[in-house]
Amino acid sequence: MSYIELKNVSFEYPGGFLAVDDISMSIEKGENVAIVGQNGAGKTTTVKLLNALHYPTKGDVLIGDMNTRKFTTAQVSRRVGYVFQNPDDQIFHSTIIDEVAFGPKMMRLPDDRQKQLVNKALSMTGMKRYRHENPYNLPLSVRKFVTIASIIAMDCDVMVFDEPTAGQDYVGNKRLAKIIRTLSEQGKTLITISHDMVFVADHFPRIIVMSNKKIIADGTPQDVFWNLPILEEAMLKQPYVSRICHELGVGDRIIRMDEAVDAIAFACGIKEDMA
């Protein structure tokens, strides 16, 4: 059995609004997965089901040997950390170091282990130099890294990032990419929601596409971003590199810039092969 299992899961908000409609998915331990789709597709509701911020109306959510229905949100959150889209929904301490240290303290870890985890999280996210700063003295894009550090410090098996690229510049996206790569190398299971198709194509080997509260595709970047009917149904666009190659009619399912350069050079006769 996979580490994360959603089995025929639906979720209905009070008042009868159906946000997720009979979805099933499996994610292995250590996988790095992106979930994409337009607003209202059901992405955020789905990931909130993973750490018991919501409980399924129908079906079951399994995290390892844990059925979320049988545990509190606090219990599940020790295994599945969730970084909110808006950091202001998550931050409630007056200094960054207190914010990042809160999770390990609540988990009653030994003092030495708490310090180790907090220092690691601050260093990994670039927040160490701001550790005594009030988070609200920093811009929103930087506050996002405070909440990411808070989840990293809890050392959860699974980490969920909801729209981490929103509001980030080039430097912020590079930092995010490095954090995701480092956590993945450490064996963490990572699930990221993003509207940035270039970031998704560059950094996630598996992409799940949602539309109209259902999962409509699940595959590699090449599988997803060159399935034009699926993109149309989900109202998504190919990464710009793929769009250019598609319009030029060069290459085969191009995703990355280096692939595009080789394909265009080959088509122009500049390179004899694409090796």
C-alpha atoms as a PDB file:
ATOM      1  CA  MET A   1       0.000   0.000   0.000  1.00  0.00           C
ATOM      2  CA  SER A   2       1.205   3.542  -0.788  1.00  0.00           C
ATOM      3  CA  TYR A   3       2.097   5.890   2.043  1.00  0.00           C
ATOM      4  CA  ILE A   4      -0.771   8.269   1.188  1.00  0.00           C
ATOM      5  CA  GLU A   5      -4.076   6.874  -0.030  1.00  0.00           C
ATOM      6  CA  LEU A   6      -7.268   8.729  -0.866  1.00  0.00           C
ATOM      7  CA  LYS A   7     -10.019   6.204  -1.521  1.00  0.00           C
ATOM      8  CA  ASN A   8     -13.179   7.483  -3.233  1.00  0.00           C
ATOM      9  CA  VAL A   9     -13.026  10.694  -1.234  1.00  0.00           C
ATOM     10  CA  SER A  10     -15.647  13.423  -1.389  1.00  0.00           C
ATOM     11  CA  PHE A  11     -15.946  16.537   0.734  1.00  0.00           C
ATOM     12  CA  GLU A  12     -18.992  18.735   1.157  1.00  0.00           C
ATOM     13  CA  TYR A  13     -18.933  22.011   3.048  1.00  0.00           C
ATOM     14  CA  PRO A  14     -21.737  22.910   5.455  1.00  0.00           C
ATOM     15  CA  GLY A  15     -24.559  24.223   3.343  1.00  0.00           C
ATOM     16  CA  GLY A  16     -24.128  21.529   0.706  1.00  0.00           C
ATOM     17  CA  PHE A  17     -21.312  22.835  -1.517  1.00  0.00           C
ATOM     18  CA  LEU A  18     -19.441  19.846  -2.949  1.00  0.00           C
ATOM     19  CA  ALA A  19     -15.736  20.756  -3.182  1.00  0.00           C
ATOM     20  CA  VAL A  20     -14.191  17.342  -3.938  1.00  0.00           C
ATOM     21  CA  ASP A  21     -16.092  14.664  -5.828  1.00  0.00           C
ATOM     22  CA  ASP A  22     -15.111  10.989  -5.491  1.00  0.00           C
ATOM     23  CA  ILE A  23     -11.346  11.258  -5.989  1.00  0.00           C
ATOM     24  CA  SER A  24      -8.757   8.543  -5.464  1.00  0.00           C
ATOM     25  CA  MET A  25      -4.979   8.916  -5.472  1.00  0.00           C
ATOM     26  CA  SER A  26      -1.893   7.149  -4.154  1.00  0.00           C
ATOM     27  CA  ILE A  27       1.413   8.784  -3.272  1.00  0.00           C
ATOM     28  CA  GLU A  28       4.503   6.824  -2.317  1.00  0.00           C
ATOM     29  CA  LYS A  29       6.757   7.802   0.562  1.00  0.00           C
ATOM     30  CA  GLY A  30       9.405  10.216  -0.694  1.00  0.00           C
ATOM     31  CA  GLU A  31       7.515  11.290  -3.817  1.00  0.00           C
ATOM     32  CA  ASN A  32       7.576  14.910  -4.982  1.00  0.00           C
ATOM     33  CA  VAL A  33       4.184  15.767  -6.483  1.00  0.00           C
ATOM     34  CA  ALA A  34       2.524  18.917  -7.820  1.00  0.00           C
ATOM     35  CA  ILE A  35      -1.243  19.413  -7.964  1.00  0.00           C
ATOM     36  CA  VAL A  36      -2.437  21.890 -10.580  1.00  0.00           C
ATOM     37  CA  GLY A  37      -5.753  23.271 -11.780  1.00  0.00           C
ATOM     38  CA  GLN A  38      -7.770  26.451 -11.869  1.00  0.00           C
ATOM     39  CA  ASN A  39      -9.318  28.096  -8.800  1.00  0.00           C
ATOM     40  CA  GLY A  40     -12.281  26.045  -7.635  1.00  0.00           C
ATOM     41  CA  ALA A  41     -10.902  22.780  -9.019  1.00  0.00           C
ATOM     42  CA  GLY A  42     -10.692  21.279  -5.497  1.00  0.00           C
ATOM     43  CA  LYS A  43      -6.923  21.416  -4.961  1.00  0.00           C
ATOM     44  CA  THR A  44      -6.769  23.194  -1.603  1.00  0.00           C
ATOM     45  CA  THR A  45      -9.659  21.207  -0.174  1.00  0.00           C
ATOM     46  CA  THR A  46      -7.897  18.002  -1.222  1.00  0.00           C
ATOM     47  CA  VAL A  47      -4.631  18.846   0.512  1.00  0.00           C
ATOM     48  CA  LYS A  48      -6.451  20.025   3.633  1.00  0.00           C
ATOM     49  CA  LEU A  49      -7.935  16.538   3.831  1.00  0.00           C
ATOM     50  CA  LEU A  50      -4.400  15.172   4.127  1.00  0.00           C
ATOM     51  CA  ASN A  51      -3.747  16.667   7.566  1.00  0.00           C
ATOM     52  CA  ALA A  52      -7.303  16.593   8.905  1.00  0.00           C
ATOM     53  CA  LEU A  53      -8.044  20.281   8.507  1.00  0.00           C
ATOM     54  CA  HIS A  54     -11.053  18.670   6.822  1.00  0.00           C
ATOM     55  CA  TYR A  55     -12.417  15.170   7.236  1.00  0.00           C
ATOM     56  CA  PRO A  56     -13.905  13.440   4.195  1.00  0.00           C
ATOM     57  CA  THR A  57     -17.670  13.412   3.850  1.00  0.00           C
ATOM     58  CA  LYS A  58     -17.279  10.102   2.020  1.00  0.00           C
ATOM     59  CA  GLY A  59     -14.329   7.756   1.571  1.00  0.00           C
ATOM     60  CA  ASP A  60     -11.101   7.453   3.536  1.00  0.00           C
ATOM     61  CA  VAL A  61      -7.799   9.318   3.761  1.00  0.00           C
ATOM     62  CA  LEU A  62      -4.901   7.125   4.895  1.00  0.00           C
ATOM     63  CA  ILE A  63      -1.455   8.401   5.892  1.00  0.00           C
ATOM     64  CA  GLY A  64       0.685   5.337   6.509  1.00  0.00           C
ATOM     65  CA  ASP A  65      -1.231   3.291   9.066  1.00  0.00           C
ATOM     66  CA  MET A  66      -3.317   6.317  10.118  1.00  0.00           C
ATOM     67  CA  ASN A  67      -6.918   6.785   8.960  1.00  0.00           C
ATOM     68  CA  THR A  68      -7.474  10.510   9.496  1.00  0.00           C
ATOM     69  CA  ARG A  69     -11.071   9.929  10.629  1.00  0.00           C
ATOM     70  CA  LYS A  70      -9.749   8.352  13.831  1.00  0.00           C
ATOM     71  CA  PHE A  71      -7.323  11.124  14.794  1.00  0.00           C
ATOM     72  CA  THR A  72      -7.399  14.790  15.717  1.00  0.00           C
ATOM     73  CA  THR A  73      -5.980  17.487  13.479  1.00  0.00           C
ATOM     74  CA  ALA A  74      -3.143  17.989  15.992  1.00  0.00           C
ATOM     75  CA  GLN A  75      -2.245  14.304  15.843  1.00  0.00           C
ATOM     76  CA  VAL A  76      -2.293  14.144  12.050  1.00  0.00           C
ATOM     77  CA  SER A  77      -0.322  17.401  11.715  1.00  0.00           C
ATOM     78  CA  ARG A  78       2.660  15.760  13.404  1.00  0.00           C
ATOM     79  CA  ARG A  79       2.913  13.548  10.343  1.00  0.00           C
ATOM     80  CA  VAL A  80       1.605  15.954   7.672  1.00  0.00           C
ATOM     81  CA  GLY A  81       2.735  19.590   7.813  1.00  0.00           C
ATOM     82  CA  TYR A  82       0.700  22.167   5.900  1.00  0.00           C
ATOM     83  CA  VAL A  83       1.937  25.570   4.696  1.00  0.00           C
ATOM     84  CA  PHE A  84      -1.025  27.856   4.048  1.00  0.00           C
ATOM     85  CA  GLN A  85      -1.289  29.922   0.880  1.00  0.00           C
ATOM     86  CA  ASN A  86      -1.564  33.086   2.975  1.00  0.00           C
ATOM     87  CA  PRO A  87       1.145  33.155   5.673  1.00  0.00           C
ATOM     88  CA  ASP A  88      -0.938  35.586   7.719  1.00  0.00           C
ATOM     89  CA  ASP A  89      -3.373  32.736   8.392  1.00  0.00           C
ATOM     90  CA  GLN A  90      -0.563  30.814  10.065  1.00  0.00           C
ATOM     91  CA  ILE A  91       1.753  33.266  11.854  1.00  0.00           C
ATOM     92  CA  PHE A  92       0.857  34.290  15.411  1.00  0.00           C
ATOM     93  CA  HIS A  93       4.154  34.934  17.228  1.00  0.00           C
ATOM     94  CA  SER A  94       5.976  38.256  17.493  1.00  0.00           C
ATOM     95  CA  THR A  95       9.393  36.915  16.476  1.00  0.00           C
ATOM     96  CA  ILE A  96      10.390  34.532  13.746  1.00  0.00           C
ATOM     97  CA  ILE A  97      12.391  32.292  16.045  1.00  0.00           C
ATOM     98  CA  ASP A  98       9.398  31.868  18.364  1.00  0.00           C
ATOM     99  CA  GLU A  99       7.178  31.101  15.390  1.00  0.00           C
ATOM    100  CA  VAL A 100       9.528  28.446  14.032  1.00  0.00           C
ATOM    101  CA  ALA A 101      10.167  26.942  17.478  1.00  0.00           C
ATOM    102  CA  PHE A 102       6.471  26.610  18.340  1.00  0.00           C
ATOM    103  CA  GLY A 103       5.895  23.258  16.591  1.00  0.00           C
ATOM    104  CA  PRO A 104       8.871  21.417  18.103  1.00  0.00           C
ATOM    105  CA  LYS A 105       7.915  22.773  21.553  1.00  0.00           C
ATOM    106  CA  MET A 106       4.348  21.524  21.216  1.00  0.00           C
ATOM    107  CA  MET A 107       5.721  18.135  20.191  1.00  0.00           C
ATOM    108  CA  ARG A 108       7.722  18.125  23.470  1.00  0.00           C
ATOM    109  CA  LEU A 109      10.930  17.164  21.773  1.00  0.00           C
ATOM    110  CA  PRO A 110      14.170  17.260  23.810  1.00  0.00           C
ATOM    111  CA  ASP A 111      15.662  20.767  24.007  1.00  0.00           C
ATOM    112  CA  ASP A 112      18.738  19.850  21.976  1.00  0.00           C
ATOM    113  CA  ARG A 113      16.563  18.355  19.241  1.00  0.00           C
ATOM    114  CA  GLN A 114      14.347  21.460  19.207  1.00  0.00           C
ATOM    115  CA  LYS A 115      17.360  23.742  18.737  1.00  0.00           C
ATOM    116  CA  GLN A 116      18.761  21.506  16.018  1.00  0.00           C
ATOM    117  CA  LEU A 117      15.505  21.485  14.055  1.00  0.00           C
ATOM    118  CA  VAL A 118      14.914  25.229  14.437  1.00  0.00           C
ATOM    119  CA  ASN A 119      18.445  26.117  13.310  1.00  0.00           C
ATOM    120  CA  LYS A 120      18.184  23.762  10.357  1.00  0.00           C
ATOM    121  CA  ALA A 121      14.827  25.234   9.286  1.00  0.00           C
ATOM    122  CA  LEU A 122      16.008  28.830   9.622  1.00  0.00           C
ATOM    123  CA  SER A 123      19.185  28.117   7.656  1.00  0.00           C
ATOM    124  CA  MET A 124      17.424  26.177   4.895  1.00  0.00           C
ATOM    125  CA  THR A 125      14.873  28.949   4.294  1.00  0.00           C
ATOM    126  CA  GLY A 126      17.250  31.903   4.628  1.00  0.00           C
ATOM    127  CA  MET A 127      15.444  33.156   7.736  1.00  0.00           C
ATOM    128  CA  LYS A 128      18.339  32.868  10.197  1.00  0.00           C
ATOM    129  CA  ARG A 129      19.379  36.505   9.844  1.00  0.00           C
ATOM    130  CA  TYR A 130      15.789  37.590  10.557  1.00  0.00           C
ATOM    131  CA  ARG A 131      15.247  35.264  13.527  1.00  0.00           C
ATOM    132  CA  HIS A 132      14.640  38.044  16.095  1.00  0.00           C
ATOM    133  CA  GLU A 133      12.525  40.115  13.685  1.00  0.00           C
ATOM    134  CA  ASN A 134       8.751  40.455  13.900  1.00  0.00           C
ATOM    135  CA  PRO A 135       7.409  38.532  10.884  1.00  0.00           C
ATOM    136  CA  TYR A 136       5.043  41.387  10.052  1.00  0.00           C
ATOM    137  CA  ASN A 137       8.000  43.723   9.537  1.00  0.00           C
ATOM    138  CA  LEU A 138       8.877  41.624   6.481  1.00  0.00           C
ATOM    139  CA  PRO A 139       7.135  41.612   3.074  1.00  0.00           C
ATOM    140  CA  LEU A 140       4.547  38.940   2.329  1.00  0.00           C
ATOM    141  CA  SER A 141       6.890  37.038   0.019  1.00  0.00           C
ATOM    142  CA  VAL A 142       9.438  36.682   2.844  1.00  0.00           C
ATOM    143  CA  ARG A 143       6.782  35.804   5.442  1.00  0.00           C
ATOM    144  CA  LYS A 144       5.983  32.759   3.324  1.00  0.00           C
ATOM    145  CA  PHE A 145       9.444  31.427   4.113  1.00  0.00           C
ATOM    146  CA  VAL A 146       8.721  31.890   7.828  1.00  0.00           C
ATOM    147  CA  THR A 147       5.760  29.508   7.567  1.00  0.00           C
ATOM    148  CA  ILE A 148       7.785  27.076   5.465  1.00  0.00           C
ATOM    149  CA  ALA A 149      10.502  27.123   8.141  1.00  0.00           C
ATOM    150  CA  SER A 150       7.866  26.443  10.805  1.00  0.00           C
ATOM    151  CA  ILE A 151       6.784  23.261   9.044  1.00  0.00           C
ATOM    152  CA  ILE A 152      10.338  22.138   8.267  1.00  0.00           C
ATOM    153  CA  ALA A 153      11.168  22.501  11.977  1.00  0.00           C
ATOM    154  CA  MET A 154       8.466  19.949  12.829  1.00  0.00           C
ATOM    155  CA  ASP A 155      10.311  17.366  10.701  1.00  0.00           C
ATOM    156  CA  CYS A 156       7.044  15.927   9.341  1.00  0.00           C
ATOM    157  CA  ASP A 157       7.101  12.929   7.015  1.00  0.00           C
ATOM    158  CA  VAL A 158       4.810  14.767   4.577  1.00  0.00           C
ATOM    159  CA  MET A 159       4.916  18.481   3.771  1.00  0.00           C
ATOM    160  CA  VAL A 160       2.209  20.291   1.822  1.00  0.00           C
ATOM    161  CA  PHE A 161       2.878  23.688   0.215  1.00  0.00           C
ATOM    162  CA  ASP A 162      -0.158  25.650  -0.957  1.00  0.00           C
ATOM    163  CA  GLU A 163       0.840  28.142  -3.699  1.00  0.00           C
ATOM    164  CA  PRO A 164       4.368  28.841  -2.389  1.00  0.00           C
ATOM    165  CA  THR A 165       5.360  30.644  -5.606  1.00  0.00           C
ATOM    166  CA  ALA A 166       2.559  33.235  -5.398  1.00  0.00           C
ATOM    167  CA  GLY A 167       4.103  36.682  -5.028  1.00  0.00           C
ATOM    168  CA  GLN A 168       7.665  35.403  -5.368  1.00  0.00           C
ATOM    169  CA  ASP A 169      10.291  36.904  -7.649  1.00  0.00           C
ATOM    170  CA  TYR A 170      13.064  35.031  -9.445  1.00  0.00           C
ATOM    171  CA  VAL A 171      15.233  34.887  -6.303  1.00  0.00           C
ATOM    172  CA  GLY A 172      12.327  33.627  -4.190  1.00  0.00           C
ATOM    173  CA  ASN A 173      11.507  30.911  -6.703  1.00  0.00           C
ATOM    174  CA  LYS A 174      15.154  29.798  -6.776  1.00  0.00           C
ATOM    175  CA  ARG A 175      15.120  29.556  -2.989  1.00  0.00           C
ATOM    176  CA  LEU A 176      11.886  27.540  -3.089  1.00  0.00           C
ATOM    177  CA  ALA A 177      13.344  25.187  -5.676  1.00  0.00           C
ATOM    178  CA  LYS A 178      16.411  24.594  -3.516  1.00  0.00           C
ATOM    179  CA  ILE A 179      14.237  23.925  -0.428  1.00  0.00           C
ATOM    180  CA  ILE A 180      12.097  21.425  -2.341  1.00  0.00           C
ATOM    181  CA  ARG A 181      15.165  19.699  -3.763  1.00  0.00           C
ATOM    182  CA  THR A 182      16.831  19.471  -0.335  1.00  0.00           C
ATOM    183  CA  LEU A 183      13.730  18.099   1.378  1.00  0.00           C
ATOM    184  CA  SER A 184      13.225  15.591  -1.420  1.00  0.00           C
ATOM    185  CA  GLU A 185      16.830  14.408  -1.043  1.00  0.00           C
ATOM    186  CA  GLN A 186      16.117  13.914   2.664  1.00  0.00           C
ATOM    187  CA  GLY A 187      13.278  11.531   1.774  1.00  0.00           C
ATOM    188  CA  LYS A 188      10.365  13.811   2.638  1.00  0.00           C
ATOM    189  CA  THR A 189       7.069  13.354   0.808  1.00  0.00           C
ATOM    190  CA  LEU A 190       6.240  16.698  -0.806  1.00  0.00           C
ATOM    191  CA  ILE A 191       2.933  17.873  -2.250  1.00  0.00           C
ATOM    192  CA  THR A 192       2.768  21.337  -3.795  1.00  0.00           C
ATOM    193  CA  ILE A 193      -0.110  23.323  -5.265  1.00  0.00           C
ATOM    194  CA  SER A 194       0.990  25.895  -7.829  1.00  0.00           C
ATOM    195  CA  HIS A 195      -0.385  28.012 -10.669  1.00  0.00           C
ATOM    196  CA  ASP A 196       3.158  28.513 -11.988  1.00  0.00           C
ATOM    197  CA  MET A 197       3.389  25.943 -14.764  1.00  0.00           C
ATOM    198  CA  VAL A 198       7.043  26.735 -15.498  1.00  0.00           C
ATOM    199  CA  PHE A 199       7.998  26.107 -11.863  1.00  0.00           C
ATOM    200  CA  VAL A 200       5.947  22.900 -11.855  1.00  0.00           C
ATOM    201  CA  ALA A 201       7.462  21.608 -15.098  1.00  0.00           C
ATOM    202  CA  ASP A 202      10.999  22.297 -13.891  1.00  0.00           C
ATOM    203  CA  HIS A 203      10.796  20.835 -10.385  1.00  0.00           C
ATOM    204  CA  PHE A 204       8.166  18.081 -10.126  1.00  0.00           C
ATOM    205  CA  PRO A 205       8.485  14.617 -11.684  1.00  0.00           C
ATOM    206  CA  ARG A 206       4.784  13.898 -11.128  1.00  0.00           C
ATOM    207  CA  ILE A 207       1.814  16.184 -11.755  1.00  0.00           C
ATOM    208  CA  ILE A 208      -1.813  15.634 -10.762  1.00  0.00           C
ATOM    209  CA  VAL A 209      -4.371  17.723 -12.649  1.00  0.00           C
ATOM    210  CA  MET A 210      -7.717  18.617 -11.084  1.00  0.00           C
ATOM    211  CA  SER A 211     -10.758  20.133 -12.763  1.00  0.00           C
ATOM    212  CA  ASN A 212     -14.330  20.536 -11.605  1.00  0.00           C
ATOM    213  CA  LYS A 213     -13.573  18.808  -8.252  1.00  0.00           C
ATOM    214  CA  LYS A 214     -12.121  15.681  -9.864  1.00  0.00           C
ATOM    215  CA  ILE A 215      -8.710  14.318 -10.856  1.00  0.00           C
ATOM    216  CA  ILE A 216      -8.501  14.264 -14.646  1.00  0.00           C
ATOM    217  CA  ALA A 217      -4.819  13.445 -15.245  1.00  0.00           C
ATOM    218  CA  ASP A 218      -1.784  12.111 -13.387  1.00  0.00           C
ATOM    219  CA  GLY A 219       1.638  11.727 -14.965  1.00  0.00           C
ATOM    220  CA  THR A 220       5.027  13.178 -15.821  1.00  0.00           C
ATOM    221  CA  PRO A 221       5.433  16.792 -17.011  1.00  0.00           C
ATOM    222  CA  GLN A 222       5.682  15.483 -20.593  1.00  0.00           C
ATOM    223  CA  ASP A 223       2.504  13.417 -20.163  1.00  0.00           C
ATOM    224  CA  VAL A 224       0.542  16.330 -18.710  1.00  0.00           C
ATOM    225  CA  PHE A 225       1.815  19.383 -20.570  1.00  0.00           C
ATOM    226  CA  TRP A 226       1.626  17.751 -23.992  1.00  0.00           C
ATOM    227  CA  ASN A 227      -1.895  16.420 -23.453  1.00  0.00           C
ATOM    228  CA  LEU A 228      -3.610  19.416 -25.016  1.00  0.00           C
ATOM    229  CA  PRO A 229      -7.213  18.213 -24.480  1.00  0.00           C
ATOM    230  CA  ILE A 230      -6.502  17.780 -20.753  1.00  0.00           C
ATOM    231  CA  LEU A 231      -4.957  21.250 -20.549  1.00  0.00           C
ATOM    232  CA  GLU A 232      -7.988  22.709 -22.295  1.00  0.00           C
ATOM    233  CA  GLU A 233     -10.386  20.928 -19.930  1.00  0.00           C
ATOM    234  CA  ALA A 234      -8.408  22.154 -16.906  1.00  0.00           C
ATOM    235  CA  MET A 235      -8.002  25.656 -18.437  1.00  0.00           C
ATOM    236  CA  LEU A 236      -4.230  25.454 -18.108  1.00  0.00           C
ATOM    237  CA  LYS A 237      -1.460  26.508 -20.480  1.00  0.00           C
ATOM    238  CA  GLN A 238       1.717  24.744 -21.435  1.00  0.00           C
ATOM    239  CA  PRO A 239       4.938  26.195 -20.003  1.00  0.00           C
ATOM    240  CA  TYR A 240       6.117  28.949 -22.374  1.00  0.00           C
ATOM    241  CA  VAL A 241       9.027  26.805 -23.633  1.00  0.00           C
ATOM    242  CA  SER A 242       6.592  24.066 -24.641  1.00  0.00           C
ATOM    243  CA  ARG A 243       4.272  26.601 -26.295  1.00  0.00           C
ATOM    244  CA  ILE A 244       7.111  28.021 -28.393  1.00  0.00           C
ATOM    245  CA  CYS A 245       8.252  24.563 -29.524  1.00  0.00           C
ATOM    246  CA  HIS A 246       4.659  23.596 -30.278  1.00  0.00           C
ATOM    247  CA  GLU A 247       4.162  26.681 -32.449  1.00  0.00           C
ATOM    248  CA  LEU A 248       7.479  26.116 -34.224  1.00  0.00           C
ATOM    249  CA  GLY A 249       6.770  22.418 -34.682  1.00  0.00           C
ATOM    250  CA  VAL A 250      10.171  21.386 -33.341  1.00  0.00           C
ATOM    251  CA  GLY A 251      11.235  18.707 -30.877  1.00  0.00           C
ATOM    252  CA  ASP A 252       9.176  16.046 -29.184  1.00  0.00           C
ATOM    253  CA  ARG A 253       7.286  16.941 -25.993  1.00  0.00           C
ATOM    254  CA  ILE A 254       9.767  19.644 -24.972  1.00  0.00           C
ATOM    255  CA  ILE A 255       9.536  20.824 -21.360  1.00  0.00           C
ATOM    256  CA  ARG A 256      12.833  22.458 -20.408  1.00  0.00           C
ATOM    257  CA  MET A 257      14.810  25.325 -21.909  1.00  0.00           C
ATOM    258  CA  ASP A 258      17.898  23.190 -22.628  1.00  0.00           C
ATOM    259  CA  GLU A 259      15.725  20.740 -24.569  1.00  0.00           C
ATOM    260  CA  ALA A 260      14.232  23.623 -26.571  1.00  0.00           C
ATOM    261  CA  VAL A 261      17.653  25.052 -27.433  1.00  0.00           C
ATOM    262  CA  ASP A 262      18.814  21.674 -28.725  1.00  0.00           C
ATOM    263  CA  ALA A 263      15.590  21.082 -30.672  1.00  0.00           C
ATOM    264  CA  ILE A 264      15.635  24.508 -32.342  1.00  0.00           C
ATOM    265  CA  ALA A 265      19.338  24.219 -33.149  1.00  0.00           C
ATOM    266  CA  PHE A 266      18.776  20.783 -34.684  1.00  0.00           C
ATOM    267  CA  ALA A 267      15.797  22.044 -36.710  1.00  0.00           C
ATOM    268  CA  CYS A 268      17.918  24.914 -38.025  1.00  0.00           C
ATOM    269  CA  GLY A 269      20.744  22.572 -38.971  1.00  0.00           C
ATOM    270  CA  ILE A 270      23.099  24.051 -36.389  1.00  0.00           C
ATOM    271  CA  LYS A 271      23.488  20.682 -34.654  1.00  0.00           C
ATOM    272  CA  GLU A 272      23.620  17.380 -36.444  1.00  0.00           C
ATOM    273  CA  ASP A 273      22.160  15.535 -33.492  1.00  0.00           C
ATOM    274  CA  MET A 274      20.549  16.230 -30.158  1.00  0.00           C
ATOM    275  CA  ALA A 275      22.922  14.123 -28.099  1.00  0.00           C
END
